[in-house]
Amino acid sequence: MTIQFKQETFRDDFTFSNSPEAIRRFPFPFDKDEYMYAVNIEQHMPGPVKSPFEFPIDIDEHYVSEMRDRALVLKEDPLRCQSLPHMITAEWDLLELLMESMAKNYPEHFTLTRDGDRWHWINRPLGIDQAFTFGDVSTLPQPPMEYVTRQCQGDFALLDQRLDNLWMDAGMITTQADWSLDFDIGMNFMEWHAPVPLAHDMGIFERALKFLLNLQQGRPVRRLNWTMTVNPRLDTSPENYHKWGADRTTVTPENVGDKVHLRVELQALWRLPRSNAIVFSIRAYMIKMNELVTIPKWGRRLHRVLRDLKPELADYKGLTRYRADTVAYLAKHDDGAPTSPGFFPDPE
C-alpha cells in the first residue's frame, strides 16, 4: 500500500488538513449520542481495511510532517524523551515491535532485514538507511527508543511492572494533550491519572489497572480517548502552554468550523517479550469541524455529545470557553434524525 505523504505544518501557519480519504478513516470515538467515562478496552485486533485499526501501527498521509514536527519539539526540549536506566531492555523490545510492524504492513516504505543480531533498517519516506547490532546501543545514532520513535507516529510510554502497579519509567511524548512526561516520569498508574475528574469515584482506574497487570504477550488491547483543541497543534504540552493556551480565546462563530478540532487518541498497550514491560502507544488524530460534518452521522452525534456533556468534563477537557460556539455550529448540522449505533460512517 503506497501512501501519498502530505507536506503540512502543525504550528505557525497551520496548513494541516485531512484528505477525503483521511476523513472517512478518522477514528470517531462515539458510538452513541452521549458520553460517559468507561474502561472501553478491547482486543487490538485487525480492523476494517483502510481504517486506523487495520494494522497494529497506523501510518497515514501525515507521517512525514508529523516526524518533522517531532524533531522540532525535541530540538526545543530534549526532555520530551526520557528513559530511566533500567528500561534499556524495554527500549529494544519497542524498537523490535515498531520496526517489525512497519516493515510487514508498509513494505513499500519500510524494510527490515535480520541476520542474527545484525539488523538493517530502511525508512524510505525519511531517507534513512541504517545497519546496526540489536542490543548494542553504540551502533545507533540515538538510544533505541528515541531512534525508532523519531520514525513512528504517536507518543510512546514504557511502563515497568512492579509492586502490583505500573510505573511510567520511559517515554517519547511530543504530541500530548496537556500532560508532561517530565512531571509524570517515575509515577505509578494511579498517580499519573490523579487529575482526571469523576472516573476515580467510579472505580474505573482500579479496574483498568487490574486488567493491565494481567495483560498477556501477544494479546494487545486498545481504546479511544478524546478531547478538543483549537488549531491543529500536535504539541499541546504544559511546557508550551504559553504558546497554545490563548488559542481558546480566538474562537468565534465565524471561524469555529475551521479552528476547532476534535482530537482523538488511539491508545494501545502491548506486553513486551524480554523486559515484561508494557508499551502504551498514544496516536493522535485531528479533524476540524468543517471536515467532520461532511460525515452527517458524526456531525449530529458530536453535537449531542458536546451539548449534554457534564460541566466537570468540559472543564477538564479545556473546551468550556468555546463550547457554546462549537455546539451552535454543530446544531446547524443536526436535523434531529436518529443516528445509527456504531462508530463508522453511515453510507449517506
C-alpha atoms as a PDB file:
ATOM      1  CA  MET A   1       0.000   0.000   0.000  1.00  0.00           C
ATOM      2  CA  THR A   2       1.637   3.210  -1.189  1.00  0.00           C
ATOM      3  CA  ILE A   3       0.738   6.269   0.867  1.00  0.00           C
ATOM      4  CA  GLN A   4       0.834   9.781  -0.557  1.00  0.00           C
ATOM      5  CA  PHE A   5       2.502  11.803   2.181  1.00  0.00           C
ATOM      6  CA  LYS A   6       1.456  15.422   2.627  1.00  0.00           C
ATOM      7  CA  GLN A   7       3.675  18.390   3.386  1.00  0.00           C
ATOM      8  CA  GLU A   8       1.963  20.385   6.148  1.00  0.00           C
ATOM      9  CA  THR A   9       2.561  22.146   9.452  1.00  0.00           C
ATOM     10  CA  PHE A  10       1.126  21.834  12.963  1.00  0.00           C
ATOM     11  CA  ARG A  11       2.300  25.239  14.177  1.00  0.00           C
ATOM     12  CA  ASP A  12       2.613  28.836  12.986  1.00  0.00           C
ATOM     13  CA  ASP A  13       0.640  28.871   9.697  1.00  0.00           C
ATOM     14  CA  PHE A  14      -1.214  25.574  10.474  1.00  0.00           C
ATOM     15  CA  THR A  15      -1.517  24.111   7.000  1.00  0.00           C
ATOM     16  CA  PHE A  16      -2.659  20.695   8.310  1.00  0.00           C
ATOM     17  CA  SER A  17      -5.800  19.252   6.750  1.00  0.00           C
ATOM     18  CA  ASN A  18      -7.343  15.839   6.052  1.00  0.00           C
ATOM     19  CA  SER A  19      -7.951  14.460   2.589  1.00  0.00           C
ATOM     20  CA  PRO A  20     -11.418  12.983   1.947  1.00  0.00           C
ATOM     21  CA  GLU A  21      -9.937   9.529   2.475  1.00  0.00           C
ATOM     22  CA  ALA A  22      -8.382  10.575   5.782  1.00  0.00           C
ATOM     23  CA  ILE A  23     -11.727  11.996   6.930  1.00  0.00           C
ATOM     24  CA  ARG A  24     -13.539   8.720   6.301  1.00  0.00           C
ATOM     25  CA  ARG A  25     -10.893   6.700   8.156  1.00  0.00           C
ATOM     26  CA  PHE A  26     -10.843   9.076  11.139  1.00  0.00           C
ATOM     27  CA  PRO A  27     -11.319   7.130  14.430  1.00  0.00           C
ATOM     28  CA  PHE A  28     -14.549   8.797  15.528  1.00  0.00           C
ATOM     29  CA  PRO A  29     -14.856   7.933  19.245  1.00  0.00           C
ATOM     30  CA  PHE A  30     -18.606   8.000  19.954  1.00  0.00           C
ATOM     31  CA  ASP A  31     -20.849   5.017  19.302  1.00  0.00           C
ATOM     32  CA  LYS A  32     -23.919   6.722  20.771  1.00  0.00           C
ATOM     33  CA  ASP A  33     -25.294  10.228  21.342  1.00  0.00           C
ATOM     34  CA  GLU A  34     -23.892  10.652  24.851  1.00  0.00           C
ATOM     35  CA  TYR A  35     -20.554  10.280  26.578  1.00  0.00           C
ATOM     36  CA  MET A  36     -19.529   8.936  29.938  1.00  0.00           C
ATOM     37  CA  TYR A  37     -16.281   7.538  31.263  1.00  0.00           C
ATOM     38  CA  ALA A  38     -15.765   3.831  30.748  1.00  0.00           C
ATOM     39  CA  VAL A  39     -12.824   1.432  30.624  1.00  0.00           C
ATOM     40  CA  ASN A  40     -13.768   0.742  26.947  1.00  0.00           C
ATOM     41  CA  ILE A  41     -10.815  -1.586  26.346  1.00  0.00           C
ATOM     42  CA  GLU A  42     -10.979  -4.128  23.531  1.00  0.00           C
ATOM     43  CA  GLN A  43      -8.532  -6.501  21.883  1.00  0.00           C
ATOM     44  CA  HIS A  44      -6.217  -4.725  19.436  1.00  0.00           C
ATOM     45  CA  MET A  45      -7.226  -6.985  16.558  1.00  0.00           C
ATOM     46  CA  PRO A  46      -7.022  -6.151  12.843  1.00  0.00           C
ATOM     47  CA  GLY A  47      -9.949  -3.924  11.910  1.00  0.00           C
ATOM     48  CA  PRO A  48     -11.615  -2.933   8.646  1.00  0.00           C
ATOM     49  CA  VAL A  49      -9.407  -2.393   5.610  1.00  0.00           C
ATOM     50  CA  LYS A  50      -8.261   1.247   5.247  1.00  0.00           C
ATOM     51  CA  SER A  51      -9.264   2.022   8.839  1.00  0.00           C
ATOM     52  CA  PRO A  52      -6.759   3.126  11.509  1.00  0.00           C
ATOM     53  CA  PHE A  53      -7.325  -0.300  13.107  1.00  0.00           C
ATOM     54  CA  GLU A  54      -6.232  -2.303  10.046  1.00  0.00           C
ATOM     55  CA  PHE A  55      -2.648  -2.713  11.308  1.00  0.00           C
ATOM     56  CA  PRO A  56      -1.134  -2.645  14.818  1.00  0.00           C
ATOM     57  CA  ILE A  57       0.806   0.537  13.987  1.00  0.00           C
ATOM     58  CA  ASP A  58      -1.010   3.020  11.751  1.00  0.00           C
ATOM     59  CA  ILE A  59       0.930   5.094   9.222  1.00  0.00           C
ATOM     60  CA  ASP A  60      -1.010   7.666   7.221  1.00  0.00           C
ATOM     61  CA  GLU A  61      -0.699  10.694   4.960  1.00  0.00           C
ATOM     62  CA  HIS A  62       0.521  12.917   7.823  1.00  0.00           C
ATOM     63  CA  TYR A  63       3.559  10.715   8.628  1.00  0.00           C
ATOM     64  CA  VAL A  64       6.394  12.776   7.177  1.00  0.00           C
ATOM     65  CA  SER A  65       5.051  16.069   8.516  1.00  0.00           C
ATOM     66  CA  GLU A  66       4.447  14.633  11.977  1.00  0.00           C
ATOM     67  CA  MET A  67       8.006  13.307  12.136  1.00  0.00           C
ATOM     68  CA  ARG A  68       9.315  16.713  11.127  1.00  0.00           C
ATOM     69  CA  ASP A  69       7.261  18.322  13.896  1.00  0.00           C
ATOM     70  CA  ARG A  70       8.577  15.778  16.437  1.00  0.00           C
ATOM     71  CA  ALA A  71      12.143  16.701  15.513  1.00  0.00           C
ATOM     72  CA  LEU A  72      11.334  20.381  16.108  1.00  0.00           C
ATOM     73  CA  VAL A  73       9.843  19.618  19.537  1.00  0.00           C
ATOM     74  CA  LEU A  74      12.880  17.572  20.576  1.00  0.00           C
ATOM     75  CA  LYS A  75      15.264  20.278  19.375  1.00  0.00           C
ATOM     76  CA  GLU A  76      13.437  22.796  21.575  1.00  0.00           C
ATOM     77  CA  ASP A  77      13.000  20.456  24.558  1.00  0.00           C
ATOM     78  CA  PRO A  78      15.053  17.208  24.706  1.00  0.00           C
ATOM     79  CA  LEU A  79      13.280  16.232  27.958  1.00  0.00           C
ATOM     80  CA  ARG A  80      10.259  15.142  25.923  1.00  0.00           C
ATOM     81  CA  CYS A  81      12.195  11.889  25.514  1.00  0.00           C
ATOM     82  CA  GLN A  82      13.403  10.285  28.737  1.00  0.00           C
ATOM     83  CA  SER A  83      14.252   6.785  29.897  1.00  0.00           C
ATOM     84  CA  LEU A  84      15.393   5.533  33.295  1.00  0.00           C
ATOM     85  CA  PRO A  85      18.462   3.275  33.105  1.00  0.00           C
ATOM     86  CA  HIS A  86      16.657   0.013  33.940  1.00  0.00           C
ATOM     87  CA  MET A  87      14.397   0.411  30.868  1.00  0.00           C
ATOM     88  CA  ILE A  88      17.017  -0.295  28.191  1.00  0.00           C
ATOM     89  CA  THR A  89      15.737  -3.829  27.522  1.00  0.00           C
ATOM     90  CA  ALA A  90      12.219  -2.445  27.087  1.00  0.00           C
ATOM     91  CA  GLU A  91      13.623   0.103  24.636  1.00  0.00           C
ATOM     92  CA  TRP A  92      14.965  -2.700  22.429  1.00  0.00           C
ATOM     93  CA  ASP A  93      11.628  -4.509  22.745  1.00  0.00           C
ATOM     94  CA  LEU A  94       9.876  -1.385  21.485  1.00  0.00           C
ATOM     95  CA  LEU A  95      12.283  -0.962  18.580  1.00  0.00           C
ATOM     96  CA  GLU A  96      11.595  -4.548  17.501  1.00  0.00           C
ATOM     97  CA  LEU A  97       7.813  -4.144  17.796  1.00  0.00           C
ATOM     98  CA  LEU A  98       7.675  -0.970  15.722  1.00  0.00           C
ATOM     99  CA  MET A  99      10.161  -1.945  13.046  1.00  0.00           C
ATOM    100  CA  GLU A 100       8.565  -5.358  12.527  1.00  0.00           C
ATOM    101  CA  SER A 101       5.061  -3.911  12.251  1.00  0.00           C
ATOM    102  CA  MET A 102       6.019  -1.061   9.925  1.00  0.00           C
ATOM    103  CA  ALA A 103       8.083  -3.291   7.614  1.00  0.00           C
ATOM    104  CA  LYS A 104       5.445  -6.040   7.481  1.00  0.00           C
ATOM    105  CA  ASN A 105       2.439  -3.810   6.831  1.00  0.00           C
ATOM    106  CA  TYR A 106       4.014  -0.994   4.770  1.00  0.00           C
ATOM    107  CA  PRO A 107       6.717  -2.775   2.736  1.00  0.00           C
ATOM    108  CA  GLU A 108       6.682  -0.072   0.065  1.00  0.00           C
ATOM    109  CA  HIS A 109       8.008   2.385   2.634  1.00  0.00           C
ATOM    110  CA  PHE A 110       9.972   0.362   5.232  1.00  0.00           C
ATOM    111  CA  THR A 111      12.281  -2.662   5.069  1.00  0.00           C
ATOM    112  CA  LEU A 112      13.804  -4.663   7.919  1.00  0.00           C
ATOM    113  CA  THR A 113      16.293  -7.463   7.301  1.00  0.00           C
ATOM    114  CA  ARG A 114      17.907  -9.506  10.074  1.00  0.00           C
ATOM    115  CA  ASP A 115      20.884 -11.834  10.241  1.00  0.00           C
ATOM    116  CA  GLY A 116      21.090 -12.835  13.888  1.00  0.00           C
ATOM    117  CA  ASP A 117      21.841  -9.638  15.804  1.00  0.00           C
ATOM    118  CA  ARG A 118      22.871  -7.814  12.627  1.00  0.00           C
ATOM    119  CA  TRP A 119      19.870  -5.748  11.518  1.00  0.00           C
ATOM    120  CA  HIS A 120      19.360  -3.463   8.542  1.00  0.00           C
ATOM    121  CA  TRP A 121      16.569  -0.878   8.594  1.00  0.00           C
ATOM    122  CA  ILE A 122      15.438   1.220   5.622  1.00  0.00           C
ATOM    123  CA  ASN A 123      12.935   4.055   6.009  1.00  0.00           C
ATOM    124  CA  ARG A 124      12.247   5.431   2.539  1.00  0.00           C
ATOM    125  CA  PRO A 125       9.947   8.364   3.418  1.00  0.00           C
ATOM    126  CA  LEU A 126      12.577   9.817   5.774  1.00  0.00           C
ATOM    127  CA  GLY A 127      15.619   8.741   3.726  1.00  0.00           C
ATOM    128  CA  ILE A 128      17.136   6.545   6.467  1.00  0.00           C
ATOM    129  CA  ASP A 129      19.336   3.507   5.778  1.00  0.00           C
ATOM    130  CA  GLN A 130      20.820   2.087   8.992  1.00  0.00           C
ATOM    131  CA  ALA A 131      22.748  -1.097   9.728  1.00  0.00           C
ATOM    132  CA  PHE A 132      23.112  -1.844  13.455  1.00  0.00           C
ATOM    133  CA  THR A 133      23.592  -4.584  16.005  1.00  0.00           C
ATOM    134  CA  PHE A 134      20.477  -5.386  18.002  1.00  0.00           C
ATOM    135  CA  GLY A 135      21.292  -4.902  21.681  1.00  0.00           C
ATOM    136  CA  ASP A 136      24.315  -2.639  21.081  1.00  0.00           C
ATOM    137  CA  VAL A 137      23.378   0.983  21.694  1.00  0.00           C
ATOM    138  CA  SER A 138      26.679   2.215  20.248  1.00  0.00           C
ATOM    139  CA  THR A 139      25.619   1.095  16.751  1.00  0.00           C
ATOM    140  CA  LEU A 140      22.661   3.518  16.597  1.00  0.00           C
ATOM    141  CA  PRO A 141      22.749   7.328  16.394  1.00  0.00           C
ATOM    142  CA  GLN A 142      20.361   7.546  19.378  1.00  0.00           C
ATOM    143  CA  PRO A 143      19.259   5.119  22.095  1.00  0.00           C
ATOM    144  CA  PRO A 144      16.818   2.551  20.653  1.00  0.00           C
ATOM    145  CA  MET A 145      13.570   4.085  21.934  1.00  0.00           C
ATOM    146  CA  GLU A 146      14.451   7.561  20.719  1.00  0.00           C
ATOM    147  CA  TYR A 147      15.769   6.242  17.405  1.00  0.00           C
ATOM    148  CA  VAL A 148      12.652   4.283  16.461  1.00  0.00           C
ATOM    149  CA  THR A 149      10.048   6.721  17.856  1.00  0.00           C
ATOM    150  CA  ARG A 150      11.576   9.561  15.855  1.00  0.00           C
ATOM    151  CA  GLN A 151      10.273   7.467  12.942  1.00  0.00           C
ATOM    152  CA  CYS A 152       6.816   6.408  14.135  1.00  0.00           C
ATOM    153  CA  GLN A 153       3.637   8.445  14.529  1.00  0.00           C
ATOM    154  CA  GLY A 154       2.235   8.704  18.035  1.00  0.00           C
ATOM    155  CA  ASP A 155       3.655   9.013  21.510  1.00  0.00           C
ATOM    156  CA  PHE A 156       5.031   6.022  23.414  1.00  0.00           C
ATOM    157  CA  ALA A 157       5.322   5.412  27.149  1.00  0.00           C
ATOM    158  CA  LEU A 158       7.160   2.390  28.540  1.00  0.00           C
ATOM    159  CA  LEU A 159       5.592   1.101  31.752  1.00  0.00           C
ATOM    160  CA  ASP A 160       7.573  -1.057  34.162  1.00  0.00           C
ATOM    161  CA  GLN A 161       5.535  -3.543  36.214  1.00  0.00           C
ATOM    162  CA  ARG A 162       6.475  -3.957  39.883  1.00  0.00           C
ATOM    163  CA  LEU A 163       4.836  -3.828  43.335  1.00  0.00           C
ATOM    164  CA  ASP A 164       1.438  -4.647  41.766  1.00  0.00           C
ATOM    165  CA  ASN A 165       1.491  -1.407  39.815  1.00  0.00           C
ATOM    166  CA  LEU A 166       2.672   0.117  36.540  1.00  0.00           C
ATOM    167  CA  TRP A 167       5.309   2.840  36.536  1.00  0.00           C
ATOM    168  CA  MET A 168       5.937   5.322  33.732  1.00  0.00           C
ATOM    169  CA  ASP A 169       9.699   4.953  33.524  1.00  0.00           C
ATOM    170  CA  ALA A 170      10.407   5.901  29.899  1.00  0.00           C
ATOM    171  CA  GLY A 171       8.704   7.686  27.047  1.00  0.00           C
ATOM    172  CA  MET A 172       8.745   9.710  23.847  1.00  0.00           C
ATOM    173  CA  ILE A 173       5.977  12.257  24.398  1.00  0.00           C
ATOM    174  CA  THR A 174       5.758  15.183  21.952  1.00  0.00           C
ATOM    175  CA  THR A 175       2.077  15.240  20.920  1.00  0.00           C
ATOM    176  CA  GLN A 176       0.394  15.132  24.309  1.00  0.00           C
ATOM    177  CA  ALA A 177      -2.920  16.700  25.316  1.00  0.00           C
ATOM    178  CA  ASP A 178      -1.852  18.843  28.286  1.00  0.00           C
ATOM    179  CA  TRP A 179       0.279  16.479  30.379  1.00  0.00           C
ATOM    180  CA  SER A 180       4.004  16.284  30.959  1.00  0.00           C
ATOM    181  CA  LEU A 181       6.390  13.347  30.735  1.00  0.00           C
ATOM    182  CA  ASP A 182       8.947  15.315  32.705  1.00  0.00           C
ATOM    183  CA  PHE A 183       6.409  15.639  35.541  1.00  0.00           C
ATOM    184  CA  ASP A 184       4.968  12.098  35.319  1.00  0.00           C
ATOM    185  CA  ILE A 185       8.123  10.044  34.787  1.00  0.00           C
ATOM    186  CA  GLY A 186       8.625   7.679  37.713  1.00  0.00           C
ATOM    187  CA  MET A 187       4.959   7.929  38.770  1.00  0.00           C
ATOM    188  CA  ASN A 188       2.681   4.924  39.070  1.00  0.00           C
ATOM    189  CA  PHE A 189      -0.589   4.331  37.243  1.00  0.00           C
ATOM    190  CA  MET A 190      -2.851   5.844  39.897  1.00  0.00           C
ATOM    191  CA  GLU A 191      -0.608   8.882  40.410  1.00  0.00           C
ATOM    192  CA  TRP A 192      -0.470   9.969  36.779  1.00  0.00           C
ATOM    193  CA  HIS A 193      -4.255   9.544  36.412  1.00  0.00           C
ATOM    194  CA  ALA A 194      -4.973  11.546  39.582  1.00  0.00           C
ATOM    195  CA  PRO A 195      -6.149  14.748  37.773  1.00  0.00           C
ATOM    196  CA  VAL A 196      -8.998  13.004  35.896  1.00  0.00           C
ATOM    197  CA  PRO A 197     -12.410  14.007  37.368  1.00  0.00           C
ATOM    198  CA  LEU A 198     -15.295  11.597  38.160  1.00  0.00           C
ATOM    199  CA  ALA A 199     -13.518   8.446  36.999  1.00  0.00           C
ATOM    200  CA  HIS A 200     -11.909   7.745  40.380  1.00  0.00           C
ATOM    201  CA  ASP A 201     -15.292   7.798  42.111  1.00  0.00           C
ATOM    202  CA  MET A 202     -16.489   5.207  39.593  1.00  0.00           C
ATOM    203  CA  GLY A 203     -13.534   2.888  40.229  1.00  0.00           C
ATOM    204  CA  ILE A 204     -12.570   2.935  36.567  1.00  0.00           C
ATOM    205  CA  PHE A 205      -8.824   3.221  37.036  1.00  0.00           C
ATOM    206  CA  GLU A 206      -8.717   0.486  39.681  1.00  0.00           C
ATOM    207  CA  ARG A 207     -10.416  -1.908  37.255  1.00  0.00           C
ATOM    208  CA  ALA A 208      -8.203  -0.823  34.370  1.00  0.00           C
ATOM    209  CA  LEU A 209      -5.028  -1.337  36.404  1.00  0.00           C
ATOM    210  CA  LYS A 210      -6.099  -4.805  37.490  1.00  0.00           C
ATOM    211  CA  PHE A 211      -6.783  -5.706  33.874  1.00  0.00           C
ATOM    212  CA  LEU A 212      -3.468  -4.362  32.589  1.00  0.00           C
ATOM    213  CA  LEU A 213      -1.380  -6.093  35.246  1.00  0.00           C
ATOM    214  CA  ASN A 214      -2.618  -9.342  33.697  1.00  0.00           C
ATOM    215  CA  LEU A 215      -2.020  -8.264  30.082  1.00  0.00           C
ATOM    216  CA  GLN A 216      -0.559 -11.179  28.136  1.00  0.00           C
ATOM    217  CA  GLN A 217       2.141 -11.144  25.497  1.00  0.00           C
ATOM    218  CA  GLY A 218       0.653 -11.415  22.022  1.00  0.00           C
ATOM    219  CA  ARG A 219      -2.749 -10.088  23.132  1.00  0.00           C
ATOM    220  CA  PRO A 220      -2.525  -6.272  22.858  1.00  0.00           C
ATOM    221  CA  VAL A 221      -5.529  -4.112  23.691  1.00  0.00           C
ATOM    222  CA  ARG A 222      -6.735  -0.682  22.606  1.00  0.00           C
ATOM    223  CA  ARG A 223      -9.141   2.091  23.477  1.00  0.00           C
ATOM    224  CA  LEU A 224     -10.123   5.525  22.171  1.00  0.00           C
ATOM    225  CA  ASN A 225      -9.822   8.740  24.149  1.00  0.00           C
ATOM    226  CA  TRP A 226     -10.815  12.215  23.002  1.00  0.00           C
ATOM    227  CA  THR A 227     -10.585  15.918  23.669  1.00  0.00           C
ATOM    228  CA  MET A 228     -10.965  19.126  21.666  1.00  0.00           C
ATOM    229  CA  THR A 229      -8.295  21.547  20.539  1.00  0.00           C
ATOM    230  CA  VAL A 230      -8.147  24.931  18.843  1.00  0.00           C
ATOM    231  CA  ASN A 231      -5.917  24.922  15.760  1.00  0.00           C
ATOM    232  CA  PRO A 232      -4.331  21.670  14.557  1.00  0.00           C
ATOM    233  CA  ARG A 233      -1.469  21.838  17.043  1.00  0.00           C
ATOM    234  CA  LEU A 234       0.039  18.460  17.960  1.00  0.00           C
ATOM    235  CA  ASP A 235       2.171  19.753  20.824  1.00  0.00           C
ATOM    236  CA  THR A 236      -0.270  20.954  23.489  1.00  0.00           C
ATOM    237  CA  SER A 237       2.045  20.266  26.417  1.00  0.00           C
ATOM    238  CA  PRO A 238       2.056  22.134  29.752  1.00  0.00           C
ATOM    239  CA  GLU A 239       5.606  23.232  28.952  1.00  0.00           C
ATOM    240  CA  ASN A 240       4.272  25.121  25.927  1.00  0.00           C
ATOM    241  CA  TYR A 241       1.000  26.368  27.398  1.00  0.00           C
ATOM    242  CA  HIS A 242       2.151  29.939  26.770  1.00  0.00           C
ATOM    243  CA  LYS A 243       2.063  29.142  23.038  1.00  0.00           C
ATOM    244  CA  TRP A 244      -1.357  27.468  22.811  1.00  0.00           C
ATOM    245  CA  GLY A 245      -3.404  28.434  25.864  1.00  0.00           C
ATOM    246  CA  ALA A 246      -4.558  31.728  24.371  1.00  0.00           C
ATOM    247  CA  ASP A 247      -5.836  29.912  21.254  1.00  0.00           C
ATOM    248  CA  ARG A 248      -9.015  29.125  23.189  1.00  0.00           C
ATOM    249  CA  THR A 249      -9.893  32.822  23.242  1.00  0.00           C
ATOM    250  CA  THR A 250      -9.741  33.148  19.448  1.00  0.00           C
ATOM    251  CA  VAL A 251     -12.803  31.072  18.537  1.00  0.00           C
ATOM    252  CA  THR A 252     -15.731  33.000  17.076  1.00  0.00           C
ATOM    253  CA  PRO A 253     -18.998  31.936  15.432  1.00  0.00           C
ATOM    254  CA  GLU A 254     -17.380  32.823  12.104  1.00  0.00           C
ATOM    255  CA  ASN A 255     -14.205  30.712  12.445  1.00  0.00           C
ATOM    256  CA  VAL A 256     -15.305  27.814  14.654  1.00  0.00           C
ATOM    257  CA  GLY A 257     -15.632  25.400  11.733  1.00  0.00           C
ATOM    258  CA  ASP A 258     -12.013  25.896  10.727  1.00  0.00           C
ATOM    259  CA  LYS A 259     -10.297  26.406  14.103  1.00  0.00           C
ATOM    260  CA  VAL A 260     -11.973  23.891  16.443  1.00  0.00           C
ATOM    261  CA  HIS A 261     -10.784  20.300  16.104  1.00  0.00           C
ATOM    262  CA  LEU A 262     -11.877  17.009  17.581  1.00  0.00           C
ATOM    263  CA  ARG A 263      -8.700  15.325  18.793  1.00  0.00           C
ATOM    264  CA  VAL A 264      -8.849  11.543  19.217  1.00  0.00           C
ATOM    265  CA  GLU A 265      -6.194   9.288  20.676  1.00  0.00           C
ATOM    266  CA  LEU A 266      -5.960   5.676  19.602  1.00  0.00           C
ATOM    267  CA  GLN A 267      -4.319   4.162  22.670  1.00  0.00           C
ATOM    268  CA  ALA A 268      -2.880   0.642  22.522  1.00  0.00           C
ATOM    269  CA  LEU A 269      -0.974  -1.479  25.033  1.00  0.00           C
ATOM    270  CA  TRP A 270       1.378  -4.408  24.375  1.00  0.00           C
ATOM    271  CA  ARG A 271       3.196  -6.714  26.784  1.00  0.00           C
ATOM    272  CA  LEU A 272       6.849  -6.771  25.719  1.00  0.00           C
ATOM    273  CA  PRO A 273       8.705 -10.104  25.482  1.00  0.00           C
ATOM    274  CA  ARG A 274      12.138  -9.624  27.091  1.00  0.00           C
ATOM    275  CA  SER A 275      11.501  -6.906  29.670  1.00  0.00           C
ATOM    276  CA  ASN A 276       7.899  -7.829  30.615  1.00  0.00           C
ATOM    277  CA  ALA A 277       7.218  -4.079  30.451  1.00  0.00           C
ATOM    278  CA  ILE A 278       4.131  -2.652  28.754  1.00  0.00           C
ATOM    279  CA  VAL A 279       4.310  -0.171  25.906  1.00  0.00           C
ATOM    280  CA  PHE A 280       1.484   2.371  25.874  1.00  0.00           C
ATOM    281  CA  SER A 281       1.108   3.974  22.441  1.00  0.00           C
ATOM    282  CA  ILE A 282      -0.904   7.182  22.089  1.00  0.00           C
ATOM    283  CA  ARG A 283      -1.616   8.051  18.465  1.00  0.00           C
ATOM    284  CA  ALA A 284      -3.313  11.441  17.994  1.00  0.00           C
ATOM    285  CA  TYR A 285      -5.693  12.204  15.112  1.00  0.00           C
ATOM    286  CA  MET A 286      -7.280  15.602  14.484  1.00  0.00           C
ATOM    287  CA  ILE A 287     -10.236  16.712  12.403  1.00  0.00           C
ATOM    288  CA  LYS A 288     -11.692  20.223  12.096  1.00  0.00           C
ATOM    289  CA  MET A 289     -15.425  20.769  12.443  1.00  0.00           C
ATOM    290  CA  ASN A 290     -15.750  21.712   8.748  1.00  0.00           C
ATOM    291  CA  GLU A 291     -14.317  18.303   7.852  1.00  0.00           C
ATOM    292  CA  LEU A 292     -16.202  16.310  10.476  1.00  0.00           C
ATOM    293  CA  VAL A 293     -19.651  17.480   9.383  1.00  0.00           C
ATOM    294  CA  THR A 294     -19.045  16.075   5.895  1.00  0.00           C
ATOM    295  CA  ILE A 295     -19.990  12.789   7.614  1.00  0.00           C
ATOM    296  CA  PRO A 296     -23.604  13.636   8.600  1.00  0.00           C
ATOM    297  CA  LYS A 297     -23.835  10.966  11.302  1.00  0.00           C
ATOM    298  CA  TRP A 298     -20.770  12.357  13.041  1.00  0.00           C
ATOM    299  CA  GLY A 299     -21.982  15.952  12.915  1.00  0.00           C
ATOM    300  CA  ARG A 300     -25.302  15.040  14.537  1.00  0.00           C
ATOM    301  CA  ARG A 301     -23.695  12.837  17.167  1.00  0.00           C
ATOM    302  CA  LEU A 302     -20.924  15.223  18.224  1.00  0.00           C
ATOM    303  CA  HIS A 303     -23.494  17.996  18.579  1.00  0.00           C
ATOM    304  CA  ARG A 304     -25.455  15.907  21.065  1.00  0.00           C
ATOM    305  CA  VAL A 305     -22.374  14.740  22.953  1.00  0.00           C
ATOM    306  CA  LEU A 306     -20.998  18.256  23.454  1.00  0.00           C
ATOM    307  CA  ARG A 307     -24.407  19.778  24.174  1.00  0.00           C
ATOM    308  CA  ASP A 308     -25.059  17.336  27.021  1.00  0.00           C
ATOM    309  CA  LEU A 309     -21.511  16.941  28.356  1.00  0.00           C
ATOM    310  CA  LYS A 310     -21.163  17.282  32.136  1.00  0.00           C
ATOM    311  CA  PRO A 311     -19.537  20.631  33.107  1.00  0.00           C
ATOM    312  CA  GLU A 312     -16.749  18.882  35.029  1.00  0.00           C
ATOM    313  CA  LEU A 313     -15.730  17.001  31.900  1.00  0.00           C
ATOM    314  CA  ALA A 314     -15.950  20.092  29.712  1.00  0.00           C
ATOM    315  CA  ASP A 315     -13.638  21.903  32.130  1.00  0.00           C
ATOM    316  CA  TYR A 316     -11.201  19.004  32.307  1.00  0.00           C
ATOM    317  CA  LYS A 317     -11.026  18.779  28.520  1.00  0.00           C
ATOM    318  CA  GLY A 318     -10.435  22.526  28.292  1.00  0.00           C
ATOM    319  CA  LEU A 319     -13.351  23.333  25.998  1.00  0.00           C
ATOM    320  CA  THR A 320     -15.600  25.385  28.278  1.00  0.00           C
ATOM    321  CA  ARG A 321     -14.606  28.731  26.763  1.00  0.00           C
ATOM    322  CA  TYR A 322     -15.526  27.764  23.181  1.00  0.00           C
ATOM    323  CA  ARG A 323     -18.061  25.018  23.820  1.00  0.00           C
ATOM    324  CA  ALA A 324     -21.117  27.208  23.149  1.00  0.00           C
ATOM    325  CA  ASP A 325     -19.826  28.362  19.754  1.00  0.00           C
ATOM    326  CA  THR A 326     -18.979  24.780  18.787  1.00  0.00           C
ATOM    327  CA  VAL A 327     -22.370  23.432  19.865  1.00  0.00           C
ATOM    328  CA  ALA A 328     -24.125  26.227  17.962  1.00  0.00           C
ATOM    329  CA  TYR A 329     -22.122  25.433  14.816  1.00  0.00           C
ATOM    330  CA  LEU A 330     -22.866  21.711  15.060  1.00  0.00           C
ATOM    331  CA  ALA A 331     -26.557  22.357  15.758  1.00  0.00           C
ATOM    332  CA  LYS A 332     -26.845  23.657  12.199  1.00  0.00           C
ATOM    333  CA  HIS A 333     -25.814  20.179  11.034  1.00  0.00           C
ATOM    334  CA  ASP A 334     -28.161  18.241  13.310  1.00  0.00           C
ATOM    335  CA  ASP A 335     -31.559  17.713  11.722  1.00  0.00           C
ATOM    336  CA  GLY A 336     -32.835  15.764  14.722  1.00  0.00           C
ATOM    337  CA  ALA A 337     -32.773  12.439  12.913  1.00  0.00           C
ATOM    338  CA  PRO A 338     -31.781   9.375  14.937  1.00  0.00           C
ATOM    339  CA  THR A 339     -28.212   8.169  14.492  1.00  0.00           C
ATOM    340  CA  SER A 340     -27.441   4.522  13.936  1.00  0.00           C
ATOM    341  CA  PRO A 341     -25.290   2.696  16.501  1.00  0.00           C
ATOM    342  CA  GLY A 342     -21.580   2.328  15.981  1.00  0.00           C
ATOM    343  CA  PHE A 343     -18.515   4.447  15.175  1.00  0.00           C
ATOM    344  CA  PHE A 344     -18.203   4.174  11.419  1.00  0.00           C
ATOM    345  CA  PRO A 345     -19.845   6.474   8.838  1.00  0.00           C
ATOM    346  CA  ASP A 346     -23.251   5.554   7.504  1.00  0.00           C
ATOM    347  CA  PRO A 347     -23.453   5.136   3.687  1.00  0.00           C
ATOM    348  CA  GLU A 348     -25.044   8.564   3.248  1.00  0.00           C
END
